[in-house]
Amino acid sequence: MDRNGFKDEIFINNLLNVQPSNQKEACLIESLQHDEFISRLCISSSTISSKLTKALLHAGEKRDTFTYLEFYNCQVRHDEQAKLQSLYENGRLHQLGFYEQPRWLMILEKTNESLNR
């Protein structure tokens, strides 16, 4: 059991409006650096700082549990994207996505596609 009381649980964390130096970013960085309960992370409508990228890289390199990362409608510098892409190419991340659309819109489109089949 870890400090949050979870063991062998899979979490899909969806975060909205993570901005440099805001409380969400600080808590996320802390969790990525010290906890293992984040396995799937979706970040939407956010600005990704170098500090957050560094924490994501740390989690991807050091934690076998962190395997899924998606960005929706986020501002991520190209060099930061390339660093994260290397985690995917090295097999540390099973899923990595950078999408220009908001997550809710993509989910709605997928739902409509499946209903129209």
PDB file of N, CA and C in Angstrom:
ATOM      1  N   MET A   1       0.849  -1.176   0.000  1.00  0.00           N
ATOM      2  CA  MET A   1       0.000   0.000   0.000  1.00  0.00           C
ATOM      3  C   MET A   1       0.893   1.238   0.000  1.00  0.00           C
ATOM      4  N   ASP A   2       0.498   2.240  -0.763  1.00  0.00           N
ATOM      5  CA  ASP A   2       1.281   3.473  -0.767  1.00  0.00           C
ATOM      6  C   ASP A   2       0.637   4.513   0.148  1.00  0.00           C
ATOM      7  N   ARG A   3       1.189   5.708   0.145  1.00  0.00           N
ATOM      8  CA  ARG A   3       0.707   6.725   1.088  1.00  0.00           C
ATOM      9  C   ARG A   3      -0.729   7.151   0.838  1.00  0.00           C
ATOM     10  N   ASN A   4      -1.277   6.835  -0.339  1.00  0.00           N
ATOM     11  CA  ASN A   4      -2.662   7.180  -0.645  1.00  0.00           C
ATOM     12  C   ASN A   4      -3.620   6.037  -0.357  1.00  0.00           C
ATOM     13  N   GLY A   5      -3.083   4.891   0.045  1.00  0.00           N
ATOM     14  CA  GLY A   5      -3.934   3.768   0.395  1.00  0.00           C
ATOM     15  C   GLY A   5      -4.325   2.893  -0.773  1.00  0.00           C
ATOM     16  N   PHE A   6      -3.707   3.049  -1.936  1.00  0.00           N
ATOM     17  CA  PHE A   6      -4.056   2.274  -3.115  1.00  0.00           C
ATOM     18  C   PHE A   6      -2.982   1.239  -3.396  1.00  0.00           C
ATOM     19  N   LYS A   7      -3.411   0.082  -3.822  1.00  0.00           N
ATOM     20  CA  LYS A   7      -2.465  -0.952  -4.213  1.00  0.00           C
ATOM     21  C   LYS A   7      -3.051  -1.696  -5.399  1.00  0.00           C
ATOM     22  N   ASP A   8      -2.243  -1.872  -6.426  1.00  0.00           N
ATOM     23  CA  ASP A   8      -2.654  -2.608  -7.617  1.00  0.00           C
ATOM     24  C   ASP A   8      -3.930  -2.056  -8.244  1.00  0.00           C
ATOM     25  N   GLU A   9      -4.067  -0.764  -8.244  1.00  0.00           N
ATOM     26  CA  GLU A   9      -5.221  -0.125  -8.865  1.00  0.00           C
ATOM     27  C   GLU A   9      -4.766   0.620 -10.109  1.00  0.00           C
ATOM     28  N   ILE A  10      -5.622   0.666 -11.113  1.00  0.00           N
ATOM     29  CA  ILE A  10      -5.333   1.427 -12.322  1.00  0.00           C
ATOM     30  C   ILE A  10      -6.208   2.672 -12.308  1.00  0.00           C
ATOM     31  N   PHE A  11      -5.576   3.813 -12.479  1.00  0.00           N
ATOM     32  CA  PHE A  11      -6.293   5.074 -12.493  1.00  0.00           C
ATOM     33  C   PHE A  11      -6.114   5.750 -13.837  1.00  0.00           C
ATOM     34  N   ILE A  12      -7.187   6.293 -14.360  1.00  0.00           N
ATOM     35  CA  ILE A  12      -7.113   7.169 -15.520  1.00  0.00           C
ATOM     36  C   ILE A  12      -7.375   8.568 -14.981  1.00  0.00           C
ATOM     37  N   ASN A  13      -6.350   9.361 -14.974  1.00  0.00           N
ATOM     38  CA  ASN A  13      -6.452  10.713 -14.453  1.00  0.00           C
ATOM     39  C   ASN A  13      -6.656  11.680 -15.603  1.00  0.00           C
ATOM     40  N   ASN A  14      -7.726  12.451 -15.532  1.00  0.00           N
ATOM     41  CA  ASN A  14      -8.031  13.467 -16.538  1.00  0.00           C
ATOM     42  C   ASN A  14      -7.913  14.832 -15.872  1.00  0.00           C
ATOM     43  N   LEU A  15      -6.962  15.611 -16.331  1.00  0.00           N
ATOM     44  CA  LEU A  15      -6.732  16.925 -15.750  1.00  0.00           C
ATOM     45  C   LEU A  15      -6.980  18.007 -16.785  1.00  0.00           C
ATOM     46  N   LEU A  16      -7.617  19.075 -16.353  1.00  0.00           N
ATOM     47  CA  LEU A  16      -7.975  20.193 -17.217  1.00  0.00           C
ATOM     48  C   LEU A  16      -7.317  21.461 -16.680  1.00  0.00           C
ATOM     49  N   ASN A  17      -6.806  22.279 -17.586  1.00  0.00           N
ATOM     50  CA  ASN A  17      -6.252  23.590 -17.248  1.00  0.00           C
ATOM     51  C   ASN A  17      -5.068  23.510 -16.275  1.00  0.00           C
ATOM     52  N   VAL A  18      -4.110  22.682 -16.616  1.00  0.00           N
ATOM     53  CA  VAL A  18      -2.851  22.658 -15.872  1.00  0.00           C
ATOM     54  C   VAL A  18      -1.979  23.758 -16.467  1.00  0.00           C
ATOM     55  N   GLN A  19      -1.552  24.673 -15.636  1.00  0.00           N
ATOM     56  CA  GLN A  19      -0.758  25.819 -16.092  1.00  0.00           C
ATOM     57  C   GLN A  19       0.544  25.884 -15.298  1.00  0.00           C
ATOM     58  N   PRO A  20       1.590  26.459 -15.897  1.00  0.00           N
ATOM     59  CA  PRO A  20       2.858  26.575 -15.172  1.00  0.00           C
ATOM     60  C   PRO A  20       2.672  27.256 -13.817  1.00  0.00           C
ATOM     61  N   SER A  21       3.179  26.613 -12.809  1.00  0.00           N
ATOM     62  CA  SER A  21       3.202  27.118 -11.432  1.00  0.00           C
ATOM     63  C   SER A  21       1.842  27.172 -10.748  1.00  0.00           C
ATOM     64  N   ASN A  22       0.774  26.617 -11.348  1.00  0.00           N
ATOM     65  CA  ASN A  22      -0.476  26.596 -10.589  1.00  0.00           C
ATOM     66  C   ASN A  22      -0.509  25.362  -9.682  1.00  0.00           C
ATOM     67  N   GLN A  23      -1.499  25.298  -8.811  1.00  0.00           N
ATOM     68  CA  GLN A  23      -1.584  24.225  -7.819  1.00  0.00           C
ATOM     69  C   GLN A  23      -1.724  22.853  -8.471  1.00  0.00           C
ATOM     70  N   LYS A  24      -2.471  22.773  -9.552  1.00  0.00           N
ATOM     71  CA  LYS A  24      -2.622  21.490 -10.248  1.00  0.00           C
ATOM     72  C   LYS A  24      -1.273  20.985 -10.742  1.00  0.00           C
ATOM     73  N   GLU A  25      -0.492  21.885 -11.336  1.00  0.00           N
ATOM     74  CA  GLU A  25       0.817  21.465 -11.830  1.00  0.00           C
ATOM     75  C   GLU A  25       1.708  21.011 -10.675  1.00  0.00           C
ATOM     76  N   ALA A  26       1.726  21.761  -9.592  1.00  0.00           N
ATOM     77  CA  ALA A  26       2.573  21.408  -8.447  1.00  0.00           C
ATOM     78  C   ALA A  26       2.202  20.037  -7.883  1.00  0.00           C
ATOM     79  N   CYS A  27       0.913  19.778  -7.726  1.00  0.00           N
ATOM     80  CA  CYS A  27       0.467  18.479  -7.203  1.00  0.00           C
ATOM     81  C   CYS A  27       0.771  17.346  -8.177  1.00  0.00           C
ATOM     82  N   LEU A  28       0.581  17.601  -9.463  1.00  0.00           N
ATOM     83  CA  LEU A  28       0.865  16.576 -10.462  1.00  0.00           C
ATOM     84  C   LEU A  28       2.355  16.250 -10.493  1.00  0.00           C
ATOM     85  N   ILE A  29       3.197  17.253 -10.465  1.00  0.00           N
ATOM     86  CA  ILE A  29       4.644  17.025 -10.451  1.00  0.00           C
ATOM     87  C   ILE A  29       5.035  16.216  -9.221  1.00  0.00           C
ATOM     88  N   GLU A  30       4.503  16.582  -8.082  1.00  0.00           N
ATOM     89  CA  GLU A  30       4.784  15.849  -6.835  1.00  0.00           C
ATOM     90  C   GLU A  30       4.383  14.378  -6.961  1.00  0.00           C
ATOM     91  N   SER A  31       3.209  14.131  -7.485  1.00  0.00           N
ATOM     92  CA  SER A  31       2.741  12.748  -7.644  1.00  0.00           C
ATOM     93  C   SER A  31       3.586  11.970  -8.646  1.00  0.00           C
ATOM     94  N   LEU A  32       3.928  12.596  -9.758  1.00  0.00           N
ATOM     95  CA  LEU A  32       4.737  11.915 -10.769  1.00  0.00           C
ATOM     96  C   LEU A  32       6.130  11.575 -10.244  1.00  0.00           C
ATOM     97  N   GLN A  33       6.664  12.404  -9.378  1.00  0.00           N
ATOM     98  CA  GLN A  33       8.006  12.176  -8.859  1.00  0.00           C
ATOM     99  C   GLN A  33       8.042  11.178  -7.709  1.00  0.00           C
ATOM    100  N   HIS A  34       6.942  11.080  -6.937  1.00  0.00           N
ATOM    101  CA  HIS A  34       7.010  10.302  -5.697  1.00  0.00           C
ATOM    102  C   HIS A  34       6.008   9.162  -5.579  1.00  0.00           C
ATOM    103  N   ASP A  35       4.983   9.139  -6.390  1.00  0.00           N
ATOM    104  CA  ASP A  35       3.940   8.120  -6.262  1.00  0.00           C
ATOM    105  C   ASP A  35       3.897   7.242  -7.501  1.00  0.00           C
ATOM    106  N   GLU A  36       3.274   6.087  -7.358  1.00  0.00           N
ATOM    107  CA  GLU A  36       3.176   5.166  -8.487  1.00  0.00           C
ATOM    108  C   GLU A  36       1.737   4.897  -8.912  1.00  0.00           C
ATOM    109  N   PHE A  37       0.764   5.588  -8.348  1.00  0.00           N
ATOM    110  CA  PHE A  37      -0.619   5.258  -8.664  1.00  0.00           C
ATOM    111  C   PHE A  37      -1.102   5.832  -9.992  1.00  0.00           C
ATOM    112  N   ILE A  38      -0.379   6.748 -10.598  1.00  0.00           N
ATOM    113  CA  ILE A  38      -0.791   7.276 -11.901  1.00  0.00           C
ATOM    114  C   ILE A  38      -0.284   6.338 -12.983  1.00  0.00           C
ATOM    115  N   SER A  39      -1.211   5.695 -13.670  1.00  0.00           N
ATOM    116  CA  SER A  39      -0.821   4.814 -14.772  1.00  0.00           C
ATOM    117  C   SER A  39      -1.257   5.391 -16.116  1.00  0.00           C
ATOM    118  N   ARG A  40      -2.392   6.064 -16.125  1.00  0.00           N
ATOM    119  CA  ARG A  40      -2.921   6.663 -17.349  1.00  0.00           C
ATOM    120  C   ARG A  40      -3.231   8.126 -17.068  1.00  0.00           C
ATOM    121  N   LEU A  41      -2.697   8.997 -17.911  1.00  0.00           N
ATOM    122  CA  LEU A  41      -2.852  10.425 -17.679  1.00  0.00           C
ATOM    123  C   LEU A  41      -3.293  11.120 -18.956  1.00  0.00           C
ATOM    124  N   CYS A  42      -4.405  11.840 -18.867  1.00  0.00           N
ATOM    125  CA  CYS A  42      -4.915  12.663 -19.964  1.00  0.00           C
ATOM    126  C   CYS A  42      -4.917  14.112 -19.467  1.00  0.00           C
ATOM    127  N   ILE A  43      -4.249  14.975 -20.201  1.00  0.00           N
ATOM    128  CA  ILE A  43      -4.177  16.388 -19.836  1.00  0.00           C
ATOM    129  C   ILE A  43      -4.842  17.192 -20.945  1.00  0.00           C
ATOM    130  N   SER A  44      -5.776  18.067 -20.563  1.00  0.00           N
ATOM    131  CA  SER A  44      -6.555  18.829 -21.542  1.00  0.00           C
ATOM    132  C   SER A  44      -6.440  20.326 -21.303  1.00  0.00           C
ATOM    133  N   SER A  45      -6.489  21.076 -22.404  1.00  0.00           N
ATOM    134  CA  SER A  45      -6.542  22.546 -22.377  1.00  0.00           C
ATOM    135  C   SER A  45      -5.532  23.129 -21.393  1.00  0.00           C
ATOM    136  N   SER A  46      -4.291  22.753 -21.567  1.00  0.00           N
ATOM    137  CA  SER A  46      -3.252  23.121 -20.618  1.00  0.00           C
ATOM    138  C   SER A  46      -2.006  23.628 -21.334  1.00  0.00           C
ATOM    139  N   THR A  47      -1.155  24.276 -20.558  1.00  0.00           N
ATOM    140  CA  THR A  47       0.163  24.681 -21.018  1.00  0.00           C
ATOM    141  C   THR A  47       1.174  23.827 -20.267  1.00  0.00           C
ATOM    142  N   ILE A  48       1.955  23.061 -21.009  1.00  0.00           N
ATOM    143  CA  ILE A  48       2.883  22.119 -20.399  1.00  0.00           C
ATOM    144  C   ILE A  48       4.247  22.792 -20.245  1.00  0.00           C
ATOM    145  N   SER A  49       4.686  22.922 -19.005  1.00  0.00           N
ATOM    146  CA  SER A  49       5.965  23.573 -18.715  1.00  0.00           C
ATOM    147  C   SER A  49       7.112  22.570 -18.811  1.00  0.00           C
ATOM    148  N   SER A  50       8.313  23.094 -18.828  1.00  0.00           N
ATOM    149  CA  SER A  50       9.500  22.236 -18.824  1.00  0.00           C
ATOM    150  C   SER A  50       9.589  21.432 -17.532  1.00  0.00           C
ATOM    151  N   LYS A  51       9.160  22.029 -16.415  1.00  0.00           N
ATOM    152  CA  LYS A  51       9.169  21.310 -15.133  1.00  0.00           C
ATOM    153  C   LYS A  51       8.228  20.114 -15.174  1.00  0.00           C
ATOM    154  N   LEU A  52       7.050  20.304 -15.758  1.00  0.00           N
ATOM    155  CA  LEU A  52       6.105  19.196 -15.854  1.00  0.00           C
ATOM    156  C   LEU A  52       6.623  18.132 -16.813  1.00  0.00           C
ATOM    157  N   THR A  53       7.203  18.551 -17.921  1.00  0.00           N
ATOM    158  CA  THR A  53       7.777  17.585 -18.860  1.00  0.00           C
ATOM    159  C   THR A  53       8.858  16.759 -18.179  1.00  0.00           C
ATOM    160  N   LYS A  54       9.683  17.408 -17.386  1.00  0.00           N
ATOM    161  CA  LYS A  54      10.745  16.694 -16.663  1.00  0.00           C
ATOM    162  C   LYS A  54      10.144  15.649 -15.720  1.00  0.00           C
ATOM    163  N   ALA A  55       9.061  15.995 -15.029  1.00  0.00           N
ATOM    164  CA  ALA A  55       8.400  15.040 -14.128  1.00  0.00           C
ATOM    165  C   ALA A  55       7.763  13.894 -14.913  1.00  0.00           C
ATOM    166  N   LEU A  56       7.178  14.194 -16.069  1.00  0.00           N
ATOM    167  CA  LEU A  56       6.604  13.144 -16.916  1.00  0.00           C
ATOM    168  C   LEU A  56       7.694  12.197 -17.414  1.00  0.00           C
ATOM    169  N   LEU A  57       8.826  12.754 -17.799  1.00  0.00           N
ATOM    170  CA  LEU A  57       9.951  11.928 -18.243  1.00  0.00           C
ATOM    171  C   LEU A  57      10.456  11.046 -17.104  1.00  0.00           C
ATOM    172  N   HIS A  58      10.534  11.608 -15.913  1.00  0.00           N
ATOM    173  CA  HIS A  58      10.962  10.842 -14.738  1.00  0.00           C
ATOM    174  C   HIS A  58      10.018   9.664 -14.497  1.00  0.00           C
ATOM    175  N   ALA A  59       8.722   9.946 -14.507  1.00  0.00           N
ATOM    176  CA  ALA A  59       7.742   8.878 -14.271  1.00  0.00           C
ATOM    177  C   ALA A  59       7.823   7.815 -15.360  1.00  0.00           C
ATOM    178  N   GLY A  60       7.986   8.239 -16.600  1.00  0.00           N
ATOM    179  CA  GLY A  60       8.073   7.288 -17.703  1.00  0.00           C
ATOM    180  C   GLY A  60       9.315   6.425 -17.654  1.00  0.00           C
ATOM    181  N   GLU A  61      10.408   6.997 -17.187  1.00  0.00           N
ATOM    182  CA  GLU A  61      11.673   6.259 -17.135  1.00  0.00           C
ATOM    183  C   GLU A  61      11.796   5.395 -15.890  1.00  0.00           C
ATOM    184  N   LYS A  62      11.247   5.838 -14.779  1.00  0.00           N
ATOM    185  CA  LYS A  62      11.469   5.168 -13.493  1.00  0.00           C
ATOM    186  C   LYS A  62      10.317   4.291 -13.024  1.00  0.00           C
ATOM    187  N   ARG A  63       9.120   4.510 -13.549  1.00  0.00           N
ATOM    188  CA  ARG A  63       7.954   3.792 -13.034  1.00  0.00           C
ATOM    189  C   ARG A  63       7.336   2.931 -14.129  1.00  0.00           C
ATOM    190  N   ASP A  64       7.323   1.646 -13.892  1.00  0.00           N
ATOM    191  CA  ASP A  64       6.718   0.728 -14.858  1.00  0.00           C
ATOM    192  C   ASP A  64       5.203   0.886 -14.927  1.00  0.00           C
ATOM    193  N   THR A  65       4.625   1.508 -13.925  1.00  0.00           N
ATOM    194  CA  THR A  65       3.172   1.650 -13.871  1.00  0.00           C
ATOM    195  C   THR A  65       2.653   2.771 -14.760  1.00  0.00           C
ATOM    196  N   PHE A  66       3.481   3.738 -15.102  1.00  0.00           N
ATOM    197  CA  PHE A  66       3.063   4.887 -15.910  1.00  0.00           C
ATOM    198  C   PHE A  66       3.260   4.546 -17.386  1.00  0.00           C
ATOM    199  N   THR A  67       2.147   4.257 -18.087  1.00  0.00           N
ATOM    200  CA  THR A  67       2.262   3.716 -19.448  1.00  0.00           C
ATOM    201  C   THR A  67       1.418   4.436 -20.492  1.00  0.00           C
ATOM    202  N   TYR A  68       0.616   5.414 -20.111  1.00  0.00           N
ATOM    203  CA  TYR A  68      -0.376   5.981 -21.021  1.00  0.00           C
ATOM    204  C   TYR A  68      -0.414   7.487 -20.807  1.00  0.00           C
ATOM    205  N   LEU A  69      -0.174   8.259 -21.861  1.00  0.00           N
ATOM    206  CA  LEU A  69      -0.136   9.711 -21.739  1.00  0.00           C
ATOM    207  C   LEU A  69      -0.738  10.345 -22.982  1.00  0.00           C
ATOM    208  N   GLU A  70      -1.725  11.206 -22.778  1.00  0.00           N
ATOM    209  CA  GLU A  70      -2.354  11.905 -23.893  1.00  0.00           C
ATOM    210  C   GLU A  70      -2.539  13.378 -23.544  1.00  0.00           C
ATOM    211  N   PHE A  71      -2.345  14.213 -24.554  1.00  0.00           N
ATOM    212  CA  PHE A  71      -2.540  15.653 -24.429  1.00  0.00           C
ATOM    213  C   PHE A  71      -3.621  16.071 -25.413  1.00  0.00           C
ATOM    214  N   TYR A  72      -4.626  16.794 -24.935  1.00  0.00           N
ATOM    215  CA  TYR A  72      -5.721  17.283 -25.770  1.00  0.00           C
ATOM    216  C   TYR A  72      -5.750  18.807 -25.691  1.00  0.00           C
ATOM    217  N   ASN A  73      -5.656  19.454 -26.865  1.00  0.00           N
ATOM    218  CA  ASN A  73      -5.740  20.909 -26.918  1.00  0.00           C
ATOM    219  C   ASN A  73      -4.747  21.562 -25.945  1.00  0.00           C
ATOM    220  N   CYS A  74      -3.517  21.063 -25.952  1.00  0.00           N
ATOM    221  CA  CYS A  74      -2.483  21.561 -25.043  1.00  0.00           C
ATOM    222  C   CYS A  74      -1.371  22.259 -25.811  1.00  0.00           C
ATOM    223  N   GLN A  75      -0.726  23.169 -25.126  1.00  0.00           N
ATOM    224  CA  GLN A  75       0.460  23.823 -25.673  1.00  0.00           C
ATOM    225  C   GLN A  75       1.683  23.091 -25.132  1.00  0.00           C
ATOM    226  N   VAL A  76       2.359  22.372 -26.033  1.00  0.00           N
ATOM    227  CA  VAL A  76       3.571  21.632 -25.679  1.00  0.00           C
ATOM    228  C   VAL A  76       4.644  22.027 -26.687  1.00  0.00           C
ATOM    229  N   ARG A  77       5.768  22.491 -26.199  1.00  0.00           N
ATOM    230  CA  ARG A  77       6.851  22.883 -27.105  1.00  0.00           C
ATOM    231  C   ARG A  77       7.324  21.672 -27.903  1.00  0.00           C
ATOM    232  N   HIS A  78       7.767  21.911 -29.127  1.00  0.00           N
ATOM    233  CA  HIS A  78       8.181  20.816 -30.013  1.00  0.00           C
ATOM    234  C   HIS A  78       9.334  20.007 -29.431  1.00  0.00           C
ATOM    235  N   ASP A  79      10.288  20.671 -28.794  1.00  0.00           N
ATOM    236  CA  ASP A  79      11.406  19.925 -28.205  1.00  0.00           C
ATOM    237  C   ASP A  79      10.949  19.077 -27.023  1.00  0.00           C
ATOM    238  N   GLU A  80       9.943  19.545 -26.293  1.00  0.00           N
ATOM    239  CA  GLU A  80       9.379  18.768 -25.185  1.00  0.00           C
ATOM    240  C   GLU A  80       8.613  17.557 -25.731  1.00  0.00           C
ATOM    241  N   GLN A  81       7.880  17.769 -26.828  1.00  0.00           N
ATOM    242  CA  GLN A  81       7.183  16.649 -27.472  1.00  0.00           C
ATOM    243  C   GLN A  81       8.169  15.580 -27.907  1.00  0.00           C
ATOM    244  N   ALA A  82       9.290  15.995 -28.458  1.00  0.00           N
ATOM    245  CA  ALA A  82      10.303  15.042 -28.923  1.00  0.00           C
ATOM    246  C   ALA A  82      10.862  14.222 -27.762  1.00  0.00           C
ATOM    247  N   LYS A  83      11.075  14.868 -26.622  1.00  0.00           N
ATOM    248  CA  LYS A  83      11.562  14.139 -25.442  1.00  0.00           C
ATOM    249  C   LYS A  83      10.547  13.092 -25.002  1.00  0.00           C
ATOM    250  N   LEU A  84       9.277  13.473 -24.978  1.00  0.00           N
ATOM    251  CA  LEU A  84       8.228  12.527 -24.581  1.00  0.00           C
ATOM    252  C   LEU A  84       8.071  11.423 -25.621  1.00  0.00           C
ATOM    253  N   GLN A  85       8.215  11.772 -26.884  1.00  0.00           N
ATOM    254  CA  GLN A  85       8.120  10.784 -27.960  1.00  0.00           C
ATOM    255  C   GLN A  85       9.184   9.697 -27.791  1.00  0.00           C
ATOM    256  N   SER A  86      10.343  10.069 -27.275  1.00  0.00           N
ATOM    257  CA  SER A  86      11.406   9.075 -27.074  1.00  0.00           C
ATOM    258  C   SER A  86      10.993   8.015 -26.057  1.00  0.00           C
ATOM    259  N   LEU A  87      10.164   8.384 -25.070  1.00  0.00           N
ATOM    260  CA  LEU A  87       9.649   7.385 -24.123  1.00  0.00           C
ATOM    261  C   LEU A  87       8.791   6.349 -24.839  1.00  0.00           C
ATOM    262  N   TYR A  88       7.989   6.821 -25.775  1.00  0.00           N
ATOM    263  CA  TYR A  88       7.133   5.914 -26.545  1.00  0.00           C
ATOM    264  C   TYR A  88       7.982   5.021 -27.447  1.00  0.00           C
ATOM    265  N   GLU A  89       8.934   5.619 -28.117  1.00  0.00           N
ATOM    266  CA  GLU A  89       9.786   4.862 -29.040  1.00  0.00           C
ATOM    267  C   GLU A  89      10.644   3.828 -28.322  1.00  0.00           C
ATOM    268  N   ASN A  90      11.009   4.105 -27.073  1.00  0.00           N
ATOM    269  CA  ASN A  90      11.802   3.160 -26.284  1.00  0.00           C
ATOM    270  C   ASN A  90      10.947   2.119 -25.570  1.00  0.00           C
ATOM    271  N   GLY A  91       9.623   2.189 -25.760  1.00  0.00           N
ATOM    272  CA  GLY A  91       8.729   1.208 -25.159  1.00  0.00           C
ATOM    273  C   GLY A  91       8.342   1.480 -23.719  1.00  0.00           C
ATOM    274  N   ARG A  92       8.727   2.627 -23.185  1.00  0.00           N
ATOM    275  CA  ARG A  92       8.371   2.960 -21.803  1.00  0.00           C
ATOM    276  C   ARG A  92       6.906   3.376 -21.694  1.00  0.00           C
ATOM    277  N   LEU A  93       6.391   4.034 -22.721  1.00  0.00           N
ATOM    278  CA  LEU A  93       4.963   4.374 -22.784  1.00  0.00           C
ATOM    279  C   LEU A  93       4.312   3.504 -23.843  1.00  0.00           C
ATOM    280  N   HIS A  94       3.166   2.925 -23.508  1.00  0.00           N
ATOM    281  CA  HIS A  94       2.428   2.121 -24.484  1.00  0.00           C
ATOM    282  C   HIS A  94       1.552   2.985 -25.371  1.00  0.00           C
ATOM    283  N   GLN A  95       1.157   4.141 -24.855  1.00  0.00           N
ATOM    284  CA  GLN A  95       0.299   5.061 -25.600  1.00  0.00           C
ATOM    285  C   GLN A  95       0.775   6.482 -25.347  1.00  0.00           C
ATOM    286  N   LEU A  96       0.967   7.228 -26.419  1.00  0.00           N
ATOM    287  CA  LEU A  96       1.306   8.645 -26.332  1.00  0.00           C
ATOM    288  C   LEU A  96       0.579   9.353 -27.453  1.00  0.00           C
ATOM    289  N   GLY A  97      -0.185  10.380 -27.103  1.00  0.00           N
ATOM    290  CA  GLY A  97      -0.920  11.110 -28.124  1.00  0.00           C
ATOM    291  C   GLY A  97      -0.913  12.606 -27.874  1.00  0.00           C
ATOM    292  N   PHE A  98      -0.813  13.342 -28.967  1.00  0.00           N
ATOM    293  CA  PHE A  98      -0.925  14.800 -28.945  1.00  0.00           C
ATOM    294  C   PHE A  98      -2.055  15.157 -29.903  1.00  0.00           C
ATOM    295  N   TYR A  99      -3.148  15.695 -29.386  1.00  0.00           N
ATOM    296  CA  TYR A  99      -4.326  15.982 -30.198  1.00  0.00           C
ATOM    297  C   TYR A  99      -4.663  17.459 -30.101  1.00  0.00           C
ATOM    298  N   GLU A 100      -5.025  18.045 -31.221  1.00  0.00           N
ATOM    299  CA  GLU A 100      -5.372  19.468 -31.238  1.00  0.00           C
ATOM    300  C   GLU A 100      -6.775  19.723 -30.696  1.00  0.00           C
ATOM    301  N   GLN A 101      -7.651  18.742 -30.811  1.00  0.00           N
ATOM    302  CA  GLN A 101      -9.034  18.909 -30.367  1.00  0.00           C
ATOM    303  C   GLN A 101      -9.165  18.671 -28.865  1.00  0.00           C
ATOM    304  N   PRO A 102     -10.212  19.239 -28.257  1.00  0.00           N
ATOM    305  CA  PRO A 102     -10.503  18.923 -26.860  1.00  0.00           C
ATOM    306  C   PRO A 102     -10.893  17.444 -26.719  1.00  0.00           C
ATOM    307  N   ARG A 103     -10.630  16.880 -25.572  1.00  0.00           N
ATOM    308  CA  ARG A 103     -10.907  15.461 -25.335  1.00  0.00           C
ATOM    309  C   ARG A 103     -12.399  15.146 -25.464  1.00  0.00           C
ATOM    310  N   TRP A 104     -13.243  16.010 -24.915  1.00  0.00           N
ATOM    311  CA  TRP A 104     -14.678  15.748 -24.942  1.00  0.00           C
ATOM    312  C   TRP A 104     -15.180  15.649 -26.380  1.00  0.00           C
ATOM    313  N   LEU A 105     -14.611  16.463 -27.282  1.00  0.00           N
ATOM    314  CA  LEU A 105     -15.043  16.439 -28.676  1.00  0.00           C
ATOM    315  C   LEU A 105     -14.629  15.131 -29.348  1.00  0.00           C
ATOM    316  N   MET A 106     -13.440  14.658 -29.055  1.00  0.00           N
ATOM    317  CA  MET A 106     -12.986  13.390 -29.634  1.00  0.00           C
ATOM    318  C   MET A 106     -13.823  12.217 -29.125  1.00  0.00           C
ATOM    319  N   ILE A 107     -14.162  12.240 -27.843  1.00  0.00           N
ATOM    320  CA  ILE A 107     -15.005  11.179 -27.284  1.00  0.00           C
ATOM    321  C   ILE A 107     -16.383  11.217 -27.926  1.00  0.00           C
ATOM    322  N   LEU A 108     -16.936  12.411 -28.104  1.00  0.00           N
ATOM    323  CA  LEU A 108     -18.239  12.556 -28.748  1.00  0.00           C
ATOM    324  C   LEU A 108     -18.206  12.022 -30.173  1.00  0.00           C
ATOM    325  N   GLU A 109     -17.152  12.338 -30.920  1.00  0.00           N
ATOM    326  CA  GLU A 109     -17.030  11.847 -32.298  1.00  0.00           C
ATOM    327  C   GLU A 109     -16.925  10.323 -32.338  1.00  0.00           C
ATOM    328  N   LYS A 110     -16.154   9.734 -31.426  1.00  0.00           N
ATOM    329  CA  LYS A 110     -16.029   8.271 -31.374  1.00  0.00           C
ATOM    330  C   LYS A 110     -17.363   7.623 -31.021  1.00  0.00           C
ATOM    331  N   THR A 111     -18.089   8.236 -30.096  1.00  0.00           N
ATOM    332  CA  THR A 111     -19.394   7.709 -29.703  1.00  0.00           C
ATOM    333  C   THR A 111     -20.360   7.760 -30.879  1.00  0.00           C
ATOM    334  N   ASN A 112     -20.378   8.877 -31.591  1.00  0.00           N
ATOM    335  CA  ASN A 112     -21.255   9.005 -32.758  1.00  0.00           C
ATOM    336  C   ASN A 112     -20.892   8.003 -33.844  1.00  0.00           C
ATOM    337  N   GLU A 113     -19.598   7.764 -34.051  1.00  0.00           N
ATOM    338  CA  GLU A 113     -19.162   6.772 -35.041  1.00  0.00           C
ATOM    339  C   GLU A 113     -19.681   5.384 -34.696  1.00  0.00           C
ATOM    340  N   SER A 114     -19.563   5.014 -33.424  1.00  0.00           N
ATOM    341  CA  SER A 114     -20.008   3.675 -33.032  1.00  0.00           C
ATOM    342  C   SER A 114     -21.527   3.547 -33.096  1.00  0.00           C
ATOM    343  N   LEU A 115     -22.252   4.629 -32.859  1.00  0.00           N
ATOM    344  CA  LEU A 115     -23.711   4.580 -32.956  1.00  0.00           C
ATOM    345  C   LEU A 115     -24.180   4.500 -34.405  1.00  0.00           C
ATOM    346  N   ASN A 116     -23.396   5.064 -35.318  1.00  0.00           N
ATOM    347  CA  ASN A 116     -23.773   5.077 -36.731  1.00  0.00           C
ATOM    348  C   ASN A 116     -23.396   3.805 -37.478  1.00  0.00           C
ATOM    349  N   ARG A 117     -22.749   2.878 -36.831  1.00  0.00           N
ATOM    350  CA  ARG A 117     -22.361   1.618 -37.494  1.00  0.00           C
ATOM    351  C   ARG A 117     -23.505   0.673 -37.611  1.00  0.00           C
TER     352      ARG A 117
END
